[in-house]
Protein backbone atom coordinates (compact mmCIF):
# COMPACT_ATOMS: atom_id res chain seq x y z
CA MET A 1 14.78 8.72 -27.45
CA ILE A 2 17.26 6.29 -29.43
CA GLN A 3 15.20 3.68 -31.39
CA ASP A 4 17.86 1.01 -31.44
CA LYS A 5 17.93 0.52 -27.46
CA GLN A 6 15.63 -1.50 -25.65
CA GLN A 7 14.02 0.87 -22.89
CA ILE A 8 13.85 -0.62 -19.43
CA VAL A 9 11.77 1.43 -16.89
CA PHE A 10 12.42 0.77 -13.24
CA ILE A 11 9.36 1.92 -11.13
CA GLN A 12 9.93 2.06 -7.21
CA ARG A 13 8.35 3.61 -4.09
CA ALA A 14 10.94 6.07 -3.62
CA LEU A 15 14.51 7.14 -4.96
CA TRP A 16 16.22 6.09 -1.87
CA GLY A 17 15.70 3.86 1.16
CA GLY A 18 16.40 0.40 1.66
CA GLY A 19 18.00 -2.62 0.07
CA ALA A 20 15.66 -2.48 -3.07
CA GLU A 21 16.38 1.06 -4.04
CA LYS A 22 20.05 0.23 -3.53
CA VAL A 23 19.49 -2.90 -6.10
CA VAL A 24 17.96 -0.54 -8.83
CA TYR A 25 20.60 2.15 -8.22
CA ASP A 26 23.42 -0.71 -8.93
CA ILE A 27 21.50 -2.34 -11.80
CA VAL A 28 20.78 0.91 -13.74
CA HIS A 29 24.63 2.20 -13.52
CA SER A 30 25.83 -1.20 -14.38
CA ILE A 31 23.49 -2.24 -17.32
CA ASP A 32 24.96 -2.26 -20.89
CA ARG A 33 24.23 1.28 -22.09
CA GLU A 34 25.10 0.29 -25.49
CA ARG A 35 21.94 -2.21 -25.83
CA PHE A 36 19.75 -0.70 -23.11
CA GLU A 37 18.17 2.70 -22.21
CA PRO A 38 17.53 2.69 -18.49
CA ILE A 39 14.84 5.06 -17.01
CA VAL A 40 14.07 5.39 -13.35
CA VAL A 41 10.34 6.31 -11.95
CA HIS A 42 9.79 6.87 -8.20
CA LEU A 43 6.27 7.21 -6.83
CA PHE A 44 6.80 9.59 -3.85
CA GLN A 45 9.14 12.60 -3.52
CA GLN A 46 11.68 12.69 -0.77
CA GLU A 47 13.10 15.90 1.07
CA VAL A 48 16.60 14.54 1.26
CA VAL A 49 17.97 11.90 -1.11
CA PRO A 50 21.75 10.96 -0.23
CA ILE A 51 22.49 9.66 -3.73
CA SER A 52 22.44 10.93 -7.30
CA TYR A 53 21.86 9.27 -10.38
CA ASP A 54 23.93 9.65 -13.61
CA PRO A 55 22.61 12.75 -15.23
CA SER A 56 22.18 10.80 -18.42
CA ILE A 57 19.81 8.45 -16.88
CA PRO A 58 16.02 10.05 -16.88
CA VAL A 59 14.38 10.03 -13.56
CA TYR A 60 10.78 10.86 -13.06
CA CYS A 61 8.51 11.46 -10.09
CA VAL A 62 4.87 10.19 -10.29
CA GLU A 63 3.78 12.48 -7.21
CA GLN A 64 4.84 15.55 -9.08
CA ALA A 65 2.79 14.46 -12.25
CA VAL A 66 -0.12 13.73 -10.24
CA LYS A 67 0.16 17.25 -8.52
CA SER A 68 0.63 18.72 -12.01
CA LEU A 69 -2.40 16.72 -13.44
CA MET A 70 -4.65 17.93 -10.56
CA LEU A 71 -3.71 21.53 -10.52
CA LYS A 72 -4.64 21.58 -14.26
CA SER A 73 -8.22 19.89 -13.48
CA THR A 74 -9.12 22.25 -10.35
CA THR A 75 -8.60 25.65 -12.55
CA HIS A 76 -8.44 28.11 -9.94
CA ARG A 77 -9.91 26.01 -6.95
CA GLU A 78 -8.10 24.88 -4.09
CA THR A 79 -7.28 21.12 -3.85
CA VAL A 80 -8.49 19.46 -1.05
CA ALA A 81 -7.40 15.97 0.26
CA VAL A 82 -10.30 13.44 -0.05
CA SER A 83 -10.57 9.77 0.95
CA GLY A 84 -12.35 6.66 0.55
CA ALA A 85 -15.27 6.78 -1.94
CA SER A 86 -14.94 10.46 -2.46
CA GLN A 87 -11.32 10.14 -3.47
CA MET A 88 -12.56 7.22 -6.16
CA VAL A 89 -15.35 9.31 -7.51
CA GLN A 90 -12.96 12.24 -8.05
CA ALA A 91 -10.28 10.06 -9.69
CA ILE A 92 -12.91 8.45 -11.99
CA GLN A 93 -14.23 11.95 -12.86
CA PHE A 94 -10.65 12.89 -13.84
CA LEU A 95 -10.46 9.74 -16.02
CA ARG A 96 -13.29 11.01 -18.26
CA GLY A 97 -11.05 12.84 -20.26
CA TYR A 98 -8.67 9.89 -21.13
CA ALA A 99 -11.96 7.77 -21.47
CA LYS A 100 -13.16 9.60 -24.73
CA ALA A 101 -10.09 8.37 -26.64
CA LYS A 102 -10.04 4.94 -25.24
CA LYS A 103 -12.71 2.46 -25.84
CA ALA A 104 -11.60 0.17 -23.19
CA LEU A 105 -11.25 2.73 -20.54
CA HIS A 106 -14.59 4.40 -21.47
CA TYR A 107 -16.41 1.04 -20.95
CA LEU A 108 -14.42 0.92 -17.64
CA TYR A 109 -15.63 4.36 -16.76
CA LEU A 110 -19.20 3.64 -17.39
CA GLN A 111 -19.01 0.45 -15.34
CA MET A 112 -17.54 2.25 -12.28
CA CYS A 113 -19.83 5.04 -12.45
CA GLN A 114 -22.88 3.00 -12.67
CA ALA A 115 -21.29 1.01 -9.69
CA PHE A 116 -20.73 4.26 -7.63
CA ARG A 117 -24.28 5.41 -8.33
CA SER A 118 -25.57 2.39 -6.81
CA LEU A 119 -23.20 2.44 -3.86
CA GLY A 120 -23.90 6.29 -3.55
CA LEU A 121 -27.53 5.55 -3.29
CA ILE A 122 -27.04 2.87 -0.51
CA VAL A 123 -24.61 5.00 1.50
CA ARG A 124 -27.33 7.92 1.34
CA ASN A 125 -30.17 5.78 2.14
CA LEU A 126 -28.37 4.32 5.05
CA SER A 127 -27.22 7.49 6.48
CA ARG A 128 -30.73 8.81 6.14
CA GLN A 129 -32.02 5.70 7.84
CA LYS A 130 -29.55 6.36 10.79
CA GLU A 131 -30.95 9.95 11.26
CA ILE A 132 -34.66 9.17 11.43
CA LEU A 133 -34.17 6.09 13.47
CA SER A 134 -35.21 6.77 17.37
CA PRO A 135 -33.40 5.20 20.23
CA THR A 136 -36.67 4.14 21.22
CA ASN A 137 -37.56 2.15 18.23
CA ASP A 138 -35.49 -0.87 19.15
CA CYS A 139 -33.72 -0.70 15.93
CA THR A 140 -30.02 -1.34 17.26
CA SER A 141 -29.46 -4.23 15.03
CA GLU A 142 -30.75 -2.41 11.84
CA SER A 143 -28.41 0.62 12.71
CA SER A 144 -25.42 -1.85 13.18
CA ASN A 145 -25.94 -3.49 9.93
CA SER A 146 -26.02 -0.31 8.21
CA MET A 147 -22.61 0.71 9.56
CA ASP A 148 -21.14 -2.69 8.57
CA ILE A 149 -22.30 -2.18 5.04
CA CYS A 150 -20.79 1.32 5.07
CA SER A 151 -17.78 -0.32 6.30
CA GLU A 152 -17.47 -3.01 3.80
CA ILE A 153 -18.10 -0.21 0.93
CA ASN A 154 -15.22 1.71 2.23
CA ARG A 155 -13.19 -1.27 2.81
CA ILE A 156 -13.15 -2.01 -0.84
CA VAL A 157 -12.97 1.34 -2.25
CA GLN A 158 -10.29 2.93 -0.14
CA PRO A 159 -7.45 0.97 -1.58
CA ILE A 160 -8.62 1.31 -5.14
CA GLY A 161 -9.10 5.01 -4.52
CA ASP A 162 -5.51 5.28 -3.10
CA ILE A 163 -4.17 3.73 -6.44
CA LEU A 164 -6.14 5.58 -9.09
CA PRO A 165 -4.37 9.16 -8.94
CA GLN A 166 -1.19 7.69 -9.15
CA THR A 167 -2.12 5.30 -11.84
CA ILE A 168 -2.95 8.25 -13.79
CA GLY A 169 0.37 10.20 -13.11
CA LEU A 170 2.20 6.80 -13.92
CA HIS A 171 0.50 6.49 -17.29
CA ARG A 172 1.22 10.20 -18.16
CA ILE A 173 5.05 9.55 -17.45
CA LEU A 174 5.07 6.23 -19.43
CA SER A 175 3.39 8.00 -22.34
CA LEU A 176 6.90 9.44 -22.82
CA CYS A 177 8.22 5.79 -23.35
CA ARG A 178 8.23 3.66 -26.46
CA GLU A 179 5.63 1.24 -26.84
CA ASP A 180 8.08 -1.74 -26.39
CA ALA A 181 9.41 -0.61 -23.06
CA ILE A 182 9.69 -3.29 -20.50
CA LEU A 183 8.67 -2.01 -17.18
CA VAL A 184 10.23 -3.27 -13.91
CA PRO A 185 8.03 -2.40 -10.96
CA VAL A 186 9.95 -2.84 -7.72
CA MET A 187 8.27 -4.18 -4.53
CA GLU A 188 4.56 -4.45 -3.84
CA GLU A 189 2.86 -0.89 -4.38
CA SER A 190 4.67 -0.34 -7.57
CA THR A 191 3.61 -3.71 -9.02
CA VAL A 192 -0.02 -3.13 -8.18
CA ARG A 193 0.17 0.40 -9.76
CA VAL A 194 2.03 -1.00 -12.91
CA TRP A 195 -0.81 -3.65 -13.07
CA PHE A 196 -3.67 -0.98 -12.70
CA LYS A 197 -1.84 1.13 -15.41
CA GLN A 198 -2.56 -1.78 -18.06
CA ILE A 199 -6.26 -0.12 -18.44
CA PHE A 200 -4.64 2.59 -20.21
CA LYS A 201 -1.96 0.90 -22.45
CA ARG A 202 -0.39 -2.38 -21.92
CA HIS A 203 3.09 -2.88 -21.45
CA THR A 204 5.13 -5.97 -20.61
CA TYR A 205 6.15 -5.86 -16.94
CA ILE A 206 8.56 -7.73 -14.60
CA ALA A 207 7.57 -7.65 -11.02
CA SER A 208 10.98 -7.43 -9.09
CA LEU A 209 10.29 -8.41 -5.22
CA HIS A 210 12.47 -8.17 -2.41
CA SER A 211 10.50 -9.16 0.60
CA ILE A 212 9.00 -12.37 2.01
CA GLU A 213 5.54 -10.85 1.06
CA SER A 214 3.17 -12.75 3.47
CA PHE A 215 5.33 -11.23 6.43
CA ASN A 216 5.84 -7.81 4.78
CA LEU A 217 2.00 -7.30 3.77
CA SER A 218 0.94 -8.15 7.36
CA ILE A 219 3.13 -5.18 8.91
CA MET A 220 2.31 -2.91 5.83
CA TYR A 221 -1.62 -3.49 6.48
CA PRO A 222 -2.31 -4.74 10.14
CA ASP A 223 -6.02 -4.47 9.46
CA LEU A 224 -7.17 -7.66 8.36
CA GLN A 225 -9.96 -6.35 6.03
CA ARG A 226 -7.75 -3.75 4.29
CA ARG A 227 -4.89 -6.39 4.01
CA SER A 228 -7.52 -8.77 2.09
CA VAL A 229 -7.98 -6.23 -0.51
CA GLU A 230 -4.53 -5.19 -0.80
CA GLU A 231 -3.42 -9.12 -1.12
CA TRP A 232 -6.00 -9.63 -3.94
CA LEU A 233 -4.54 -6.63 -5.74
CA PHE A 234 -1.14 -7.86 -5.27
CA ALA A 235 -1.65 -11.39 -6.36
CA ASN A 236 -3.42 -10.08 -9.36
CA ALA A 237 -0.77 -7.96 -10.24
CA CYS A 238 2.04 -10.82 -9.77
CA GLY A 239 -0.35 -13.22 -11.96
CA GLU A 240 -0.21 -10.81 -14.79
CA ALA A 241 3.41 -10.11 -15.08
CA ALA A 242 5.70 -11.76 -17.58
CA PHE A 243 7.92 -12.93 -14.90
CA VAL A 244 8.36 -12.35 -11.19
CA ILE A 245 11.92 -11.86 -9.83
CA THR A 246 12.88 -12.79 -6.32
CA PRO A 247 16.36 -12.93 -4.57
CA SER A 248 15.90 -16.31 -3.08
CA TYR A 249 14.11 -19.40 -3.22
CA GLY A 250 12.23 -18.94 -0.06
CA CYS A 251 10.77 -15.69 -1.40
CA ARG A 252 9.57 -17.67 -4.46
CA ASP A 253 7.89 -20.51 -2.25
CA ASP A 254 6.25 -17.85 -0.11
CA LEU A 255 4.60 -16.43 -3.33
CA SER A 256 3.43 -19.80 -4.49
CA ASN A 257 1.95 -20.91 -1.04
CA ASN A 258 0.35 -17.85 -0.11
CA TYR A 259 -0.57 -15.94 -3.29
CA GLY A 260 -0.84 -18.85 -5.86
CA ILE A 261 2.07 -17.48 -8.20
CA SER A 262 3.19 -20.19 -10.34
CA PRO A 263 7.04 -21.10 -9.40
CA ASP A 264 7.53 -21.67 -13.31
CA ASN A 265 6.81 -18.03 -13.69
CA VAL A 266 9.49 -16.84 -10.71
CA ARG A 267 12.97 -16.32 -11.64
CA ILE A 268 15.64 -16.29 -8.87
CA ILE A 269 18.21 -13.36 -9.31
CA SER A 270 20.16 -12.44 -6.28
CA ASN A 271 20.45 -8.90 -5.10
CA PRO A 272 23.72 -7.42 -6.33
CA VAL A 273 26.71 -5.97 -4.47
CA ASN A 274 28.95 -3.51 -6.10
CA CYS A 275 32.30 -5.17 -4.75
CA LYS A 276 34.67 -2.48 -6.15
CA ALA A 277 32.93 0.26 -4.70
CA ILE A 278 32.38 -1.28 -1.30
CA LEU A 279 36.15 -2.29 -1.00
CA GLN A 280 37.16 1.11 -1.92
CA LYS A 281 34.83 2.51 0.78
CA SER A 282 35.88 0.02 3.37
CA LEU A 283 39.20 1.86 3.29
CA GLU A 284 37.94 5.34 4.21
CA ALA A 285 38.63 6.24 7.91
CA PRO A 286 35.46 6.26 10.11
CA PRO A 287 34.71 9.24 12.15
CA PHE A 288 34.86 7.03 15.19
CA GLU A 289 37.55 5.86 17.43
CA PHE A 290 37.28 2.01 18.00
CA PRO A 291 38.08 0.59 21.30
CA ARG A 292 41.51 -0.90 21.65
CA ARG A 293 42.12 -4.47 22.63
CA LYS A 294 38.37 -5.41 22.17
CA THR A 295 36.84 -7.86 20.18
CA ILE A 296 34.60 -5.57 17.81
CA PHE A 297 31.17 -6.87 16.58
CA VAL A 298 28.99 -4.70 14.23
CA GLN A 299 25.22 -4.81 13.42
CA VAL A 300 23.90 -2.80 10.49
CA ALA A 301 20.36 -2.71 10.60
CA ARG A 302 17.51 -0.64 11.01
CA LEU A 303 16.24 -0.36 14.88
CA ASP A 304 12.69 -1.45 14.01
CA ARG A 305 10.81 -4.67 15.13
CA ASP A 306 11.12 -6.67 12.06
CA LYS A 307 14.93 -6.51 12.42
CA ASN A 308 14.59 -7.86 16.08
CA PRO A 309 17.48 -5.82 17.69
CA GLY A 310 16.40 -6.67 21.32
CA LEU A 311 17.41 -10.04 20.77
CA LEU A 312 21.13 -8.63 20.45
CA VAL A 313 20.70 -6.74 23.70
CA ASP A 314 19.89 -10.06 25.34
CA ALA A 315 22.61 -11.99 23.94
CA VAL A 316 25.17 -9.19 24.89
CA HIS A 317 23.77 -9.53 28.36
CA LEU A 318 24.45 -13.12 28.51
CA LEU A 319 27.68 -12.98 26.72
CA LYS A 320 28.88 -10.16 29.38
CA ALA A 321 28.90 -12.95 32.15
CA GLN A 322 31.26 -15.07 30.42
CA TYR A 323 33.48 -12.45 28.50
CA GLU A 324 34.13 -8.95 29.10
CA ASP A 325 36.37 -7.65 26.26
CA PHE A 326 34.15 -6.74 23.69
CA VAL A 327 31.89 -4.29 22.12
CA VAL A 328 28.93 -4.08 19.64
CA ILE A 329 28.71 -1.13 17.56
CA CYS A 330 25.30 -0.86 16.06
CA LEU A 331 24.70 1.21 12.82
CA GLY A 332 20.99 2.26 12.04
CA LYS A 333 18.10 4.38 13.24
CA GLY A 334 14.49 3.31 13.81
CA ALA A 335 11.36 3.31 16.02
CA MET A 336 13.07 1.26 18.64
CA SER A 337 15.98 3.55 19.44
CA ASN A 338 14.80 5.04 22.54
CA THR A 339 13.51 1.78 23.86
CA LEU A 340 16.87 0.21 23.16
CA CYS A 341 18.91 2.88 25.05
CA SER A 342 16.55 2.36 27.94
CA GLU A 343 17.33 -1.44 27.95
CA ILE A 344 20.94 -1.05 27.43
CA SER A 345 21.04 1.39 30.48
CA ASP A 346 18.93 -0.82 32.62
CA ARG A 347 21.02 -3.79 32.09
CA ASP A 348 24.47 -1.68 32.39
CA LEU A 349 25.51 -2.56 29.00
CA GLN A 350 26.67 0.96 27.94
CA GLY A 351 30.35 -0.10 27.53
CA HIS A 352 29.36 -3.22 25.57
CA ILE A 353 26.71 -1.59 23.06
CA ILE A 354 27.13 1.55 21.14
CA LEU A 355 24.46 2.95 19.05
CA LEU A 356 25.75 5.25 16.43
CA GLY A 357 22.63 5.95 14.50
CA GLU A 358 22.61 5.92 10.68
CA ILE A 359 25.98 6.23 8.96
CA GLN A 360 26.20 6.74 5.18
CA ASN A 361 29.34 4.58 4.80
CA PRO A 362 29.19 1.25 7.06
CA TYR A 363 32.06 -0.63 5.53
CA PRO A 364 34.91 0.64 7.62
CA TYR A 365 33.01 -0.64 10.41
CA MET A 366 32.59 -3.84 8.82
CA ALA A 367 36.38 -4.08 7.82
CA ALA A 368 37.35 -3.24 11.73
CA ALA A 369 34.84 -6.06 13.11
CA ARG A 370 35.54 -9.63 13.80
CA ALA A 371 31.93 -10.27 13.06
CA LEU A 372 28.80 -8.95 11.96
CA ILE A 373 25.57 -9.98 13.60
CA LEU A 374 22.10 -10.33 12.12
CA THR A 375 19.02 -10.79 14.25
CA SER A 376 15.92 -10.30 11.87
CA HIS A 377 12.82 -12.05 12.11
CA VAL A 378 12.66 -12.57 8.32
CA GLU A 379 15.38 -11.58 5.43
CA SER A 380 14.25 -12.18 1.97
CA PHE A 381 17.97 -12.20 1.08
CA GLY A 382 20.43 -10.47 3.52
CA LEU A 383 22.53 -8.17 1.46
CA VAL A 384 24.48 -7.01 4.50
CA LEU A 385 25.71 -10.30 5.05
CA VAL A 386 27.44 -10.53 1.56
CA GLU A 387 28.92 -7.08 2.33
CA ALA A 388 30.32 -8.27 5.55
CA MET A 389 32.08 -11.21 4.14
CA LEU A 390 33.57 -8.92 1.23
CA CYS A 391 34.83 -6.64 3.92
CA GLY A 392 36.42 -9.35 6.08
CA ALA A 393 33.67 -9.75 9.06
CA ILE A 394 32.39 -13.02 9.77
CA PRO A 395 28.39 -13.42 9.42
CA ILE A 396 26.75 -14.37 12.62
CA SER A 397 23.03 -14.84 11.62
CA VAL A 398 19.76 -16.09 13.08
CA ASP A 399 18.48 -18.99 10.82
CA CYS A 400 15.45 -16.91 9.95
CA PRO A 401 13.34 -17.38 6.70
CA CYS A 402 14.77 -17.34 4.24
CA GLY A 403 17.89 -15.60 2.74
CA PRO A 404 20.71 -16.11 5.17
CA ARG A 405 20.67 -19.71 4.98
CA GLU A 406 21.04 -19.66 0.91
CA ILE A 407 23.78 -16.84 1.24
CA LEU A 408 25.74 -18.59 3.98
CA ASP A 409 25.34 -22.04 2.21
CA ASN A 410 24.02 -23.85 5.28
CA GLY A 411 26.65 -22.47 7.46
CA GLN A 412 29.44 -22.98 5.17
CA TYR A 413 30.36 -19.21 5.09
CA GLY A 414 29.24 -18.00 8.43
CA LEU A 415 27.44 -19.23 11.80
CA LEU A 416 23.70 -19.72 11.89
CA VAL A 417 21.86 -19.85 15.18
CA PRO A 418 18.22 -20.57 15.99
CA PRO A 419 15.69 -17.73 15.75
CA ASP A 420 15.02 -15.92 19.29
CA ASP A 421 17.70 -17.82 20.98
CA PRO A 422 19.90 -15.19 22.66
CA GLN A 423 21.98 -17.95 24.60
CA ALA A 424 23.07 -19.58 21.04
CA LEU A 425 23.59 -16.14 19.83
CA ALA A 426 25.86 -15.24 22.70
CA ASP A 427 27.71 -18.60 22.33
CA ALA A 428 28.13 -17.94 18.73
CA MET A 429 29.67 -14.54 19.41
CA LEU A 430 32.05 -16.36 22.12
CA ARG A 431 33.03 -18.87 19.74
CA ILE A 432 34.39 -16.16 16.99
CA ALA A 433 35.77 -14.38 19.56
CA ASN A 434 38.08 -17.10 20.79
CA ASP A 435 38.28 -19.50 17.90
CA ASP A 436 41.31 -18.17 15.69
CA VAL A 437 41.29 -21.33 13.31
CA LEU A 438 37.41 -20.97 12.65
CA TYR A 439 37.73 -17.25 12.27
CA ASP A 440 40.63 -17.59 9.85
CA GLU A 441 38.94 -20.26 7.76
CA LEU A 442 35.70 -18.35 7.45
CA ARG A 443 37.26 -14.97 6.74
CA THR A 444 39.67 -16.52 4.00
CA LYS A 445 36.57 -18.01 2.20
CA GLY A 446 34.11 -15.00 2.62
CA PRO A 447 35.23 -12.63 -0.02
CA ALA A 448 35.26 -15.26 -2.73
CA ARG A 449 31.69 -16.07 -1.77
CA ALA A 450 30.74 -12.44 -1.84
CA GLN A 451 32.21 -12.20 -5.43
CA GLN A 452 29.25 -14.43 -6.44
CA TYR A 453 27.01 -11.58 -6.19
CA ASP A 454 28.85 -8.85 -7.73
CA VAL A 455 26.69 -6.37 -9.67
CA THR A 456 28.44 -7.12 -13.10
CA LYS A 457 27.32 -10.78 -12.72
CA VAL A 458 23.78 -10.12 -11.62
CA THR A 459 23.27 -7.28 -13.95
CA ARG A 460 24.21 -9.83 -16.86
CA GLU A 461 21.32 -12.16 -15.65
CA TRP A 462 18.80 -9.20 -16.11
CA GLU A 463 20.02 -8.39 -19.37
CA CYS A 464 19.49 -11.96 -20.42
CA LEU A 465 15.98 -12.00 -19.09
CA PHE A 466 15.40 -8.75 -21.13
CA ASP A 467 16.83 -10.36 -24.22
CA ASP A 468 14.60 -13.54 -23.73
CA ILE A 469 11.39 -11.41 -23.32
CA LYS A 470 12.20 -9.52 -26.48
CA ASN A 471 13.49 -12.34 -28.61
CA LYS A 472 10.42 -14.68 -27.66
CA GLY A 473 7.86 -12.03 -28.66
CA ALA A 474 6.61 -11.77 -25.00
CA LEU A 475 6.22 -8.04 -25.24
CA MET A 476 2.66 -6.99 -25.13
CA ARG A 477 1.22 -4.94 -27.84
């Protein structure tokens, strides 16, 4: 690998998915290749990936590395799926080969083996006790306590057991990189795994987060006990990062208030938009014939509960009573698709809401729409609002925490309505449909506002951060 370039390793959950993956893709392809060498690592494989990286950019998959390593370690035996304490014991045994060459890891290995010998003894004794206890011995409370202890053990062991195999695979991939490489884990899972990887070899890393974490982690881990362990891991991983990057001030405040991350260690760097590429794509003819002489609204979002698509259905039902000449085109798929179809049918809104599913190029729809509707419960940034302004659609967004208010500058570049208020949303849609003066004013200002988030500008901010870390000697040795 070329020695005079600073290696930047982006580590994300999957190669493609939502806004976070789009951010990495845009930054990697815009970074100054004369000074930086980008590398992309993804944790999990995907069957279908609708994009492809520049062939000159190395791309590695942790899941593939883990499978390769596990295959070597099993030697003619079929690998079996295990979980909880068994999974962690297997991972620790696998770590032993690395531990011989690393004193710190060897010490950790001995400590963890000792802990698991103790835990294993406890579990075996409790299991044996449960077997010999008779229902007539009036030992219900003892049996219940035994099960509680087993649950507590598994609660702590399971998340760490999940992390270790991928940590090993990640370490193997990163061993191909230079010692001074700067790692950029994206989102929670990657950040925790990079932090855990430090037991092998320390690298400077910058955690790049794209969610309101207190909200997102509660969805990812609905079980309170599991969540408490995951949040502990996440908070420690963020605390050890050279910097934490968030796209909005609201995300920074959430990290500070809920996870003890100092605001001084958080940098605000907006999510980027590739303005040139989006404008070109917006000129393409969509495979859809727009209704004539109707006001067209568009929504581009997953049909999942966090995006709150039911609010749009409620608002359309109210708007229909005042104004008939409109249609909302919804682009996206998700778990609520069937539920929404039923609600639309039950309310006789088939002529006013059209569900087109996931569309690879949503920008011609934005260009044809008078306004874009955002109904989410929370938005760390709200990339689709920037894209809408660039394409000429007026943003109508709920004033949810925390990105929309920042992007729209308190309503200077679009309409903000109270959360979970279908009447307010219907009124805003009616206003944009009828008020040509307001529409022209916002449509004129929108593109210039969107250009402030252009990928070229945002990537320069990342490059300055990389330079600061390198020049100030913040790289871990």
